[in-house]
Amino acid sequence: MSQTTEEQQRLSRRIRIQRRIERFLESFGEEESATAAQVVVASENQRLAVFGIVMAVIGMTAALVIAYTVGGVKLVKSLGYFGVFVSAIIGSASMFVPVPGALAGITFGLFLNPIPYVPQQITIGVVVAVGSAIGELTGYSTGVGGRAVIGNSRIGRLLITLMRRHGTLTVFCVAAVPNPLIDVGGIAAGVAGMSMRRFLTVMFLGKTVNYIAVAYIVSSGIDWLQRVAGG
């Protein structure tokens, strides 16, 4: 008897939670719901889904192959600023696999011949930001492919609506601060149907703030080590 009562209580809690989620989704208004519905319809395009997954796999595989054969250090030494750019792409394209592409590009890029009248930290930070933003397209493509999987689910609709309302700010914040959720942010943007142009622009701006700050920190560390070694 008590077991039946517990089951009824659990069912009642689930119903209450479901109703709260439904009310939460409705609170976004008709405009957001219509936008979400459009993305859900787009998620049924199987060719788009397959293309997204294939692009993500190709990009990630190429990044890992280059990272573990050539390496970011050799790229920077042999190709200069273009090597920094490629190294940053590799670091971001290898989703969930730790490849220090951006950090290697910043560290060794600081020793390249500087561009006149521009602080080297800013130059390297911008170059790495451009490459890293392009590398994040593997996560974005995975999200585009994932629309067909989660786009019609309740969680998918919630994610779509949230990203449509706060996607720009969310992607910028995730990109501007070093954190392990950057790949998740790219996937979420792809699932939510954020345009590639918007995604790349916001990702670049956020990463520019991030990597210029990192470049100044690394530069200060190098100066300190040189003073200690020289003293």
C-alpha atoms as a PDB file:
ATOM      1  CA  MET A   1       0.000   0.000   0.000  1.00  0.00           C
ATOM      2  CA  SER A   2       2.796   2.392   0.947  1.00  0.00           C
ATOM      3  CA  GLN A   3       4.653   1.501  -2.254  1.00  0.00           C
ATOM      4  CA  THR A   4       1.617   2.498  -4.306  1.00  0.00           C
ATOM      5  CA  THR A   5       1.425   5.787  -2.425  1.00  0.00           C
ATOM      6  CA  GLU A   6       5.107   6.508  -3.124  1.00  0.00           C
ATOM      7  CA  GLU A   7       4.637   5.785  -6.815  1.00  0.00           C
ATOM      8  CA  GLN A   8       1.657   8.126  -6.926  1.00  0.00           C
ATOM      9  CA  GLN A   9       3.702  10.840  -5.212  1.00  0.00           C
ATOM     10  CA  ARG A  10       6.571  10.456  -7.696  1.00  0.00           C
ATOM     11  CA  LEU A  11       4.108  10.613 -10.595  1.00  0.00           C
ATOM     12  CA  SER A  12       2.524  13.710  -9.092  1.00  0.00           C
ATOM     13  CA  ARG A  13       5.926  15.386  -8.767  1.00  0.00           C
ATOM     14  CA  ARG A  14       6.768  14.585 -12.380  1.00  0.00           C
ATOM     15  CA  ILE A  15       3.489  16.082 -13.557  1.00  0.00           C
ATOM     16  CA  ARG A  16       4.113  19.248 -11.529  1.00  0.00           C
ATOM     17  CA  ILE A  17       7.639  19.585 -12.932  1.00  0.00           C
ATOM     18  CA  GLN A  18       6.363  19.033 -16.462  1.00  0.00           C
ATOM     19  CA  ARG A  19       3.722  21.719 -16.038  1.00  0.00           C
ATOM     20  CA  ARG A  20       6.299  24.151 -14.661  1.00  0.00           C
ATOM     21  CA  ILE A  21       8.536  23.566 -17.676  1.00  0.00           C
ATOM     22  CA  GLU A  22       5.599  24.117 -20.018  1.00  0.00           C
ATOM     23  CA  ARG A  23       4.692  27.368 -18.271  1.00  0.00           C
ATOM     24  CA  PHE A  24       8.351  28.409 -18.423  1.00  0.00           C
ATOM     25  CA  LEU A  25       8.457  27.810 -22.174  1.00  0.00           C
ATOM     26  CA  GLU A  26       5.206  29.686 -22.674  1.00  0.00           C
ATOM     27  CA  SER A  27       6.632  32.660 -20.767  1.00  0.00           C
ATOM     28  CA  PHE A  28       9.016  33.353 -23.628  1.00  0.00           C
ATOM     29  CA  GLY A  29       6.120  34.548 -25.746  1.00  0.00           C
ATOM     30  CA  GLU A  30       4.707  33.721 -29.129  1.00  0.00           C
ATOM     31  CA  GLU A  31       7.584  35.266 -31.068  1.00  0.00           C
ATOM     32  CA  GLU A  32      10.220  33.053 -29.491  1.00  0.00           C
ATOM     33  CA  SER A  33       7.998  29.990 -29.787  1.00  0.00           C
ATOM     34  CA  ALA A  34       7.526  30.678 -33.502  1.00  0.00           C
ATOM     35  CA  THR A  35      11.269  31.039 -33.964  1.00  0.00           C
ATOM     36  CA  ALA A  36      11.889  27.797 -32.101  1.00  0.00           C
ATOM     37  CA  ALA A  37       9.301  26.058 -34.257  1.00  0.00           C
ATOM     38  CA  GLN A  38      11.122  27.208 -37.402  1.00  0.00           C
ATOM     39  CA  VAL A  39      14.381  25.749 -36.137  1.00  0.00           C
ATOM     40  CA  VAL A  40      12.674  22.483 -35.212  1.00  0.00           C
ATOM     41  CA  VAL A  41      11.343  22.224 -38.771  1.00  0.00           C
ATOM     42  CA  ALA A  42      14.843  22.940 -40.090  1.00  0.00           C
ATOM     43  CA  SER A  43      16.190  20.200 -37.856  1.00  0.00           C
ATOM     44  CA  GLU A  44      14.327  17.634 -39.953  1.00  0.00           C
ATOM     45  CA  ASN A  45      16.599  18.339 -42.915  1.00  0.00           C
ATOM     46  CA  GLN A  46      18.631  15.142 -42.810  1.00  0.00           C
ATOM     47  CA  ARG A  47      21.110  16.288 -45.433  1.00  0.00           C
ATOM     48  CA  LEU A  48      21.982  19.315 -43.322  1.00  0.00           C
ATOM     49  CA  ALA A  49      22.452  17.064 -40.305  1.00  0.00           C
ATOM     50  CA  VAL A  50      24.725  14.655 -42.164  1.00  0.00           C
ATOM     51  CA  PHE A  51      26.736  17.535 -43.635  1.00  0.00           C
ATOM     52  CA  GLY A  52      27.236  19.048 -40.186  1.00  0.00           C
ATOM     53  CA  ILE A  53      28.427  15.799 -38.638  1.00  0.00           C
ATOM     54  CA  VAL A  54      30.747  15.025 -41.574  1.00  0.00           C
ATOM     55  CA  MET A  55      32.313  18.507 -41.428  1.00  0.00           C
ATOM     56  CA  ALA A  56      32.845  18.193 -37.685  1.00  0.00           C
ATOM     57  CA  VAL A  57      34.495  14.783 -38.006  1.00  0.00           C
ATOM     58  CA  ILE A  58      36.758  15.898 -40.863  1.00  0.00           C
ATOM     59  CA  GLY A  59      37.784  19.065 -39.033  1.00  0.00           C
ATOM     60  CA  MET A  60      38.509  17.312 -35.760  1.00  0.00           C
ATOM     61  CA  THR A  61      40.415  14.469 -37.439  1.00  0.00           C
ATOM     62  CA  ALA A  62      42.575  16.862 -39.449  1.00  0.00           C
ATOM     63  CA  ALA A  63      43.302  18.922 -36.337  1.00  0.00           C
ATOM     64  CA  LEU A  64      44.382  15.887 -34.316  1.00  0.00           C
ATOM     65  CA  VAL A  65      46.556  14.521 -37.121  1.00  0.00           C
ATOM     66  CA  ILE A  66      48.388  17.830 -37.554  1.00  0.00           C
ATOM     67  CA  ALA A  67      48.676  18.364 -33.800  1.00  0.00           C
ATOM     68  CA  TYR A  68      50.283  15.000 -33.119  1.00  0.00           C
ATOM     69  CA  THR A  69      52.509  14.896 -36.224  1.00  0.00           C
ATOM     70  CA  VAL A  70      53.674  18.427 -37.012  1.00  0.00           C
ATOM     71  CA  GLY A  71      52.857  20.145 -33.725  1.00  0.00           C
ATOM     72  CA  GLY A  72      52.178  23.796 -32.936  1.00  0.00           C
ATOM     73  CA  VAL A  73      55.804  24.643 -32.130  1.00  0.00           C
ATOM     74  CA  LYS A  74      57.075  23.533 -35.544  1.00  0.00           C
ATOM     75  CA  LEU A  75      54.244  25.362 -37.270  1.00  0.00           C
ATOM     76  CA  VAL A  76      55.128  28.666 -35.600  1.00  0.00           C
ATOM     77  CA  LYS A  77      58.866  28.240 -36.182  1.00  0.00           C
ATOM     78  CA  SER A  78      58.463  27.383 -39.861  1.00  0.00           C
ATOM     79  CA  LEU A  79      55.439  29.495 -40.856  1.00  0.00           C
ATOM     80  CA  GLY A  80      55.599  32.481 -38.512  1.00  0.00           C
ATOM     81  CA  TYR A  81      52.292  34.278 -38.033  1.00  0.00           C
ATOM     82  CA  PHE A  82      50.498  31.856 -40.339  1.00  0.00           C
ATOM     83  CA  GLY A  83      51.765  29.055 -38.123  1.00  0.00           C
ATOM     84  CA  VAL A  84      50.252  30.826 -35.103  1.00  0.00           C
ATOM     85  CA  PHE A  85      46.965  31.045 -36.994  1.00  0.00           C
ATOM     86  CA  VAL A  86      46.972  27.337 -37.969  1.00  0.00           C
ATOM     87  CA  SER A  87      48.024  26.314 -34.461  1.00  0.00           C
ATOM     88  CA  ALA A  88      45.018  28.170 -33.022  1.00  0.00           C
ATOM     89  CA  ILE A  89      42.659  26.444 -35.453  1.00  0.00           C
ATOM     90  CA  ILE A  90      44.036  23.059 -34.416  1.00  0.00           C
ATOM     91  CA  GLY A  91      43.624  23.786 -30.716  1.00  0.00           C
ATOM     92  CA  SER A  92      39.954  24.716 -31.083  1.00  0.00           C
ATOM     93  CA  ALA A  93      38.980  22.174 -33.751  1.00  0.00           C
ATOM     94  CA  SER A  94      40.008  19.197 -31.609  1.00  0.00           C
ATOM     95  CA  MET A  95      36.827  19.095 -29.525  1.00  0.00           C
ATOM     96  CA  PHE A  96      37.145  17.759 -25.971  1.00  0.00           C
ATOM     97  CA  VAL A  97      40.728  16.605 -26.706  1.00  0.00           C
ATOM     98  CA  PRO A  98      43.397  18.695 -24.911  1.00  0.00           C
ATOM     99  CA  VAL A  99      45.637  20.188 -27.607  1.00  0.00           C
ATOM    100  CA  PRO A 100      47.499  23.354 -26.502  1.00  0.00           C
ATOM    101  CA  GLY A 101      47.247  24.999 -29.915  1.00  0.00           C
ATOM    102  CA  ALA A 102      46.230  28.510 -28.840  1.00  0.00           C
ATOM    103  CA  LEU A 103      48.613  28.610 -25.884  1.00  0.00           C
ATOM    104  CA  ALA A 104      51.506  27.321 -27.995  1.00  0.00           C
ATOM    105  CA  GLY A 105      50.704  29.894 -30.669  1.00  0.00           C
ATOM    106  CA  ILE A 106      50.663  32.718 -28.147  1.00  0.00           C
ATOM    107  CA  THR A 107      53.821  31.621 -26.328  1.00  0.00           C
ATOM    108  CA  PHE A 108      56.000  31.159 -29.396  1.00  0.00           C
ATOM    109  CA  GLY A 109      54.279  33.903 -31.385  1.00  0.00           C
ATOM    110  CA  LEU A 110      55.447  36.491 -28.855  1.00  0.00           C
ATOM    111  CA  PHE A 111      59.021  35.865 -30.059  1.00  0.00           C
ATOM    112  CA  LEU A 112      58.214  36.657 -33.713  1.00  0.00           C
ATOM    113  CA  ASN A 113      59.263  39.959 -35.247  1.00  0.00           C
ATOM    114  CA  PRO A 114      56.601  42.474 -34.172  1.00  0.00           C
ATOM    115  CA  ILE A 115      54.488  44.565 -36.510  1.00  0.00           C
ATOM    116  CA  PRO A 116      55.528  48.247 -36.224  1.00  0.00           C
ATOM    117  CA  TYR A 117      53.505  50.438 -33.843  1.00  0.00           C
ATOM    118  CA  VAL A 118      51.350  47.530 -32.614  1.00  0.00           C
ATOM    119  CA  PRO A 119      52.038  45.780 -29.278  1.00  0.00           C
ATOM    120  CA  GLN A 120      52.991  42.170 -29.991  1.00  0.00           C
ATOM    121  CA  GLN A 121      50.516  40.917 -27.366  1.00  0.00           C
ATOM    122  CA  ILE A 122      47.622  42.495 -29.274  1.00  0.00           C
ATOM    123  CA  THR A 123      48.835  41.217 -32.648  1.00  0.00           C
ATOM    124  CA  ILE A 124      49.224  37.654 -31.427  1.00  0.00           C
ATOM    125  CA  GLY A 125      45.966  37.804 -29.445  1.00  0.00           C
ATOM    126  CA  VAL A 126      43.995  38.840 -32.543  1.00  0.00           C
ATOM    127  CA  VAL A 127      45.674  36.275 -34.830  1.00  0.00           C
ATOM    128  CA  VAL A 128      44.990  33.481 -32.338  1.00  0.00           C
ATOM    129  CA  ALA A 129      41.401  34.694 -31.844  1.00  0.00           C
ATOM    130  CA  VAL A 130      40.710  34.506 -35.590  1.00  0.00           C
ATOM    131  CA  GLY A 131      42.133  30.997 -35.888  1.00  0.00           C
ATOM    132  CA  SER A 132      40.468  29.775 -32.719  1.00  0.00           C
ATOM    133  CA  ALA A 133      37.051  31.123 -33.780  1.00  0.00           C
ATOM    134  CA  ILE A 134      37.342  29.254 -37.087  1.00  0.00           C
ATOM    135  CA  GLY A 135      38.350  26.095 -35.223  1.00  0.00           C
ATOM    136  CA  GLU A 136      35.176  26.279 -33.138  1.00  0.00           C
ATOM    137  CA  LEU A 137      33.193  25.537 -36.307  1.00  0.00           C
ATOM    138  CA  THR A 138      33.687  21.829 -35.572  1.00  0.00           C
ATOM    139  CA  GLY A 139      31.523  22.198 -32.463  1.00  0.00           C
ATOM    140  CA  TYR A 140      29.057  24.427 -34.315  1.00  0.00           C
ATOM    141  CA  SER A 141      28.790  21.860 -37.146  1.00  0.00           C
ATOM    142  CA  THR A 142      28.206  19.105 -34.611  1.00  0.00           C
ATOM    143  CA  GLY A 143      25.332  21.160 -33.191  1.00  0.00           C
ATOM    144  CA  VAL A 144      23.874  21.696 -36.665  1.00  0.00           C
ATOM    145  CA  GLY A 145      23.954  17.945 -37.201  1.00  0.00           C
ATOM    146  CA  GLY A 146      22.486  17.360 -33.753  1.00  0.00           C
ATOM    147  CA  ARG A 147      19.332  19.333 -34.493  1.00  0.00           C
ATOM    148  CA  ALA A 148      17.741  16.261 -36.011  1.00  0.00           C
ATOM    149  CA  VAL A 149      18.493  14.366 -32.808  1.00  0.00           C
ATOM    150  CA  ILE A 150      17.356  16.749 -30.072  1.00  0.00           C
ATOM    151  CA  GLY A 151      15.566  19.504 -31.970  1.00  0.00           C
ATOM    152  CA  ASN A 152      12.098  18.030 -31.431  1.00  0.00           C
ATOM    153  CA  SER A 153      12.637  17.116 -27.782  1.00  0.00           C
ATOM    154  CA  ARG A 154      11.462  19.263 -24.884  1.00  0.00           C
ATOM    155  CA  ILE A 155      15.073  19.987 -23.906  1.00  0.00           C
ATOM    156  CA  GLY A 156      15.845  20.837 -27.519  1.00  0.00           C
ATOM    157  CA  ARG A 157      13.034  23.373 -27.705  1.00  0.00           C
ATOM    158  CA  LEU A 158      14.120  24.936 -24.410  1.00  0.00           C
ATOM    159  CA  LEU A 159      17.727  25.175 -25.614  1.00  0.00           C
ATOM    160  CA  ILE A 160      16.635  26.691 -28.908  1.00  0.00           C
ATOM    161  CA  THR A 161      14.491  29.324 -27.198  1.00  0.00           C
ATOM    162  CA  LEU A 162      17.163  30.265 -24.647  1.00  0.00           C
ATOM    163  CA  MET A 163      19.881  30.544 -27.281  1.00  0.00           C
ATOM    164  CA  ARG A 164      17.610  32.599 -29.518  1.00  0.00           C
ATOM    165  CA  ARG A 165      17.045  35.102 -26.705  1.00  0.00           C
ATOM    166  CA  HIS A 166      20.470  35.149 -25.063  1.00  0.00           C
ATOM    167  CA  GLY A 167      22.674  33.339 -27.564  1.00  0.00           C
ATOM    168  CA  THR A 168      24.910  36.280 -28.449  1.00  0.00           C
ATOM    169  CA  LEU A 169      25.696  37.109 -24.834  1.00  0.00           C
ATOM    170  CA  THR A 170      26.130  33.431 -23.923  1.00  0.00           C
ATOM    171  CA  VAL A 171      28.584  32.699 -26.749  1.00  0.00           C
ATOM    172  CA  PHE A 172      30.528  35.905 -26.045  1.00  0.00           C
ATOM    173  CA  CYS A 173      30.882  35.133 -22.325  1.00  0.00           C
ATOM    174  CA  VAL A 174      31.905  31.530 -22.980  1.00  0.00           C
ATOM    175  CA  ALA A 175      34.545  32.701 -25.481  1.00  0.00           C
ATOM    176  CA  ALA A 176      35.852  35.635 -23.426  1.00  0.00           C
ATOM    177  CA  VAL A 177      36.747  33.602 -20.330  1.00  0.00           C
ATOM    178  CA  PRO A 178      38.984  30.488 -20.299  1.00  0.00           C
ATOM    179  CA  ASN A 179      36.677  27.596 -19.455  1.00  0.00           C
ATOM    180  CA  PRO A 180      36.026  23.955 -20.432  1.00  0.00           C
ATOM    181  CA  LEU A 181      32.522  24.717 -21.785  1.00  0.00           C
ATOM    182  CA  ILE A 182      33.619  26.419 -25.001  1.00  0.00           C
ATOM    183  CA  ASP A 183      32.896  23.336 -27.144  1.00  0.00           C
ATOM    184  CA  VAL A 184      29.495  22.937 -25.503  1.00  0.00           C
ATOM    185  CA  GLY A 185      28.719  26.575 -26.344  1.00  0.00           C
ATOM    186  CA  GLY A 186      29.523  25.984 -30.004  1.00  0.00           C
ATOM    187  CA  ILE A 187      27.375  22.859 -30.135  1.00  0.00           C
ATOM    188  CA  ALA A 188      24.483  24.688 -28.459  1.00  0.00           C
ATOM    189  CA  ALA A 189      24.720  27.548 -30.964  1.00  0.00           C
ATOM    190  CA  GLY A 190      24.560  25.070 -33.845  1.00  0.00           C
ATOM    191  CA  VAL A 191      21.588  23.250 -32.357  1.00  0.00           C
ATOM    192  CA  ALA A 192      19.763  26.539 -31.782  1.00  0.00           C
ATOM    193  CA  GLY A 193      20.180  27.586 -35.390  1.00  0.00           C
ATOM    194  CA  MET A 194      22.428  30.604 -34.804  1.00  0.00           C
ATOM    195  CA  SER A 195      23.748  31.776 -38.174  1.00  0.00           C
ATOM    196  CA  MET A 196      27.376  30.928 -38.925  1.00  0.00           C
ATOM    197  CA  ARG A 197      28.222  34.588 -39.531  1.00  0.00           C
ATOM    198  CA  ARG A 198      26.809  35.619 -36.185  1.00  0.00           C
ATOM    199  CA  PHE A 199      28.502  32.719 -34.420  1.00  0.00           C
ATOM    200  CA  LEU A 200      31.924  33.480 -35.903  1.00  0.00           C
ATOM    201  CA  THR A 201      31.633  37.216 -35.204  1.00  0.00           C
ATOM    202  CA  VAL A 202      30.642  36.821 -31.567  1.00  0.00           C
ATOM    203  CA  MET A 203      33.141  34.005 -31.012  1.00  0.00           C
ATOM    204  CA  PHE A 204      35.937  36.131 -32.502  1.00  0.00           C
ATOM    205  CA  LEU A 205      35.104  39.154 -30.331  1.00  0.00           C
ATOM    206  CA  GLY A 206      34.995  37.063 -27.169  1.00  0.00           C
ATOM    207  CA  LYS A 207      38.193  35.208 -27.973  1.00  0.00           C
ATOM    208  CA  THR A 208      39.966  38.465 -28.818  1.00  0.00           C
ATOM    209  CA  VAL A 209      39.333  39.706 -25.285  1.00  0.00           C
ATOM    210  CA  ASN A 210      40.391  36.322 -23.926  1.00  0.00           C
ATOM    211  CA  TYR A 211      43.611  35.836 -25.863  1.00  0.00           C
ATOM    212  CA  ILE A 212      44.893  39.401 -25.663  1.00  0.00           C
ATOM    213  CA  ALA A 213      44.642  39.082 -21.878  1.00  0.00           C
ATOM    214  CA  VAL A 214      46.366  35.682 -22.019  1.00  0.00           C
ATOM    215  CA  ALA A 215      49.108  37.105 -24.269  1.00  0.00           C
ATOM    216  CA  TYR A 216      49.856  39.868 -21.755  1.00  0.00           C
ATOM    217  CA  ILE A 217      49.957  37.324 -18.909  1.00  0.00           C
ATOM    218  CA  VAL A 218      52.293  35.016 -20.842  1.00  0.00           C
ATOM    219  CA  SER A 219      54.456  37.973 -21.855  1.00  0.00           C
ATOM    220  CA  SER A 220      54.776  39.053 -18.222  1.00  0.00           C
ATOM    221  CA  GLY A 221      55.738  35.502 -17.256  1.00  0.00           C
ATOM    222  CA  ILE A 222      58.413  35.370 -19.979  1.00  0.00           C
ATOM    223  CA  ASP A 223      59.845  38.728 -18.844  1.00  0.00           C
ATOM    224  CA  TRP A 224      59.963  37.508 -15.245  1.00  0.00           C
ATOM    225  CA  LEU A 225      61.746  34.290 -16.217  1.00  0.00           C
ATOM    226  CA  GLN A 226      64.270  36.223 -18.290  1.00  0.00           C
ATOM    227  CA  ARG A 227      64.999  38.554 -15.360  1.00  0.00           C
ATOM    228  CA  VAL A 228      65.441  35.600 -13.005  1.00  0.00           C
ATOM    229  CA  ALA A 229      67.717  33.805 -15.469  1.00  0.00           C
ATOM    230  CA  GLY A 230      69.723  36.961 -16.080  1.00  0.00           C
ATOM    231  CA  GLY A 231      70.005  37.774 -12.371  1.00  0.00           C
END
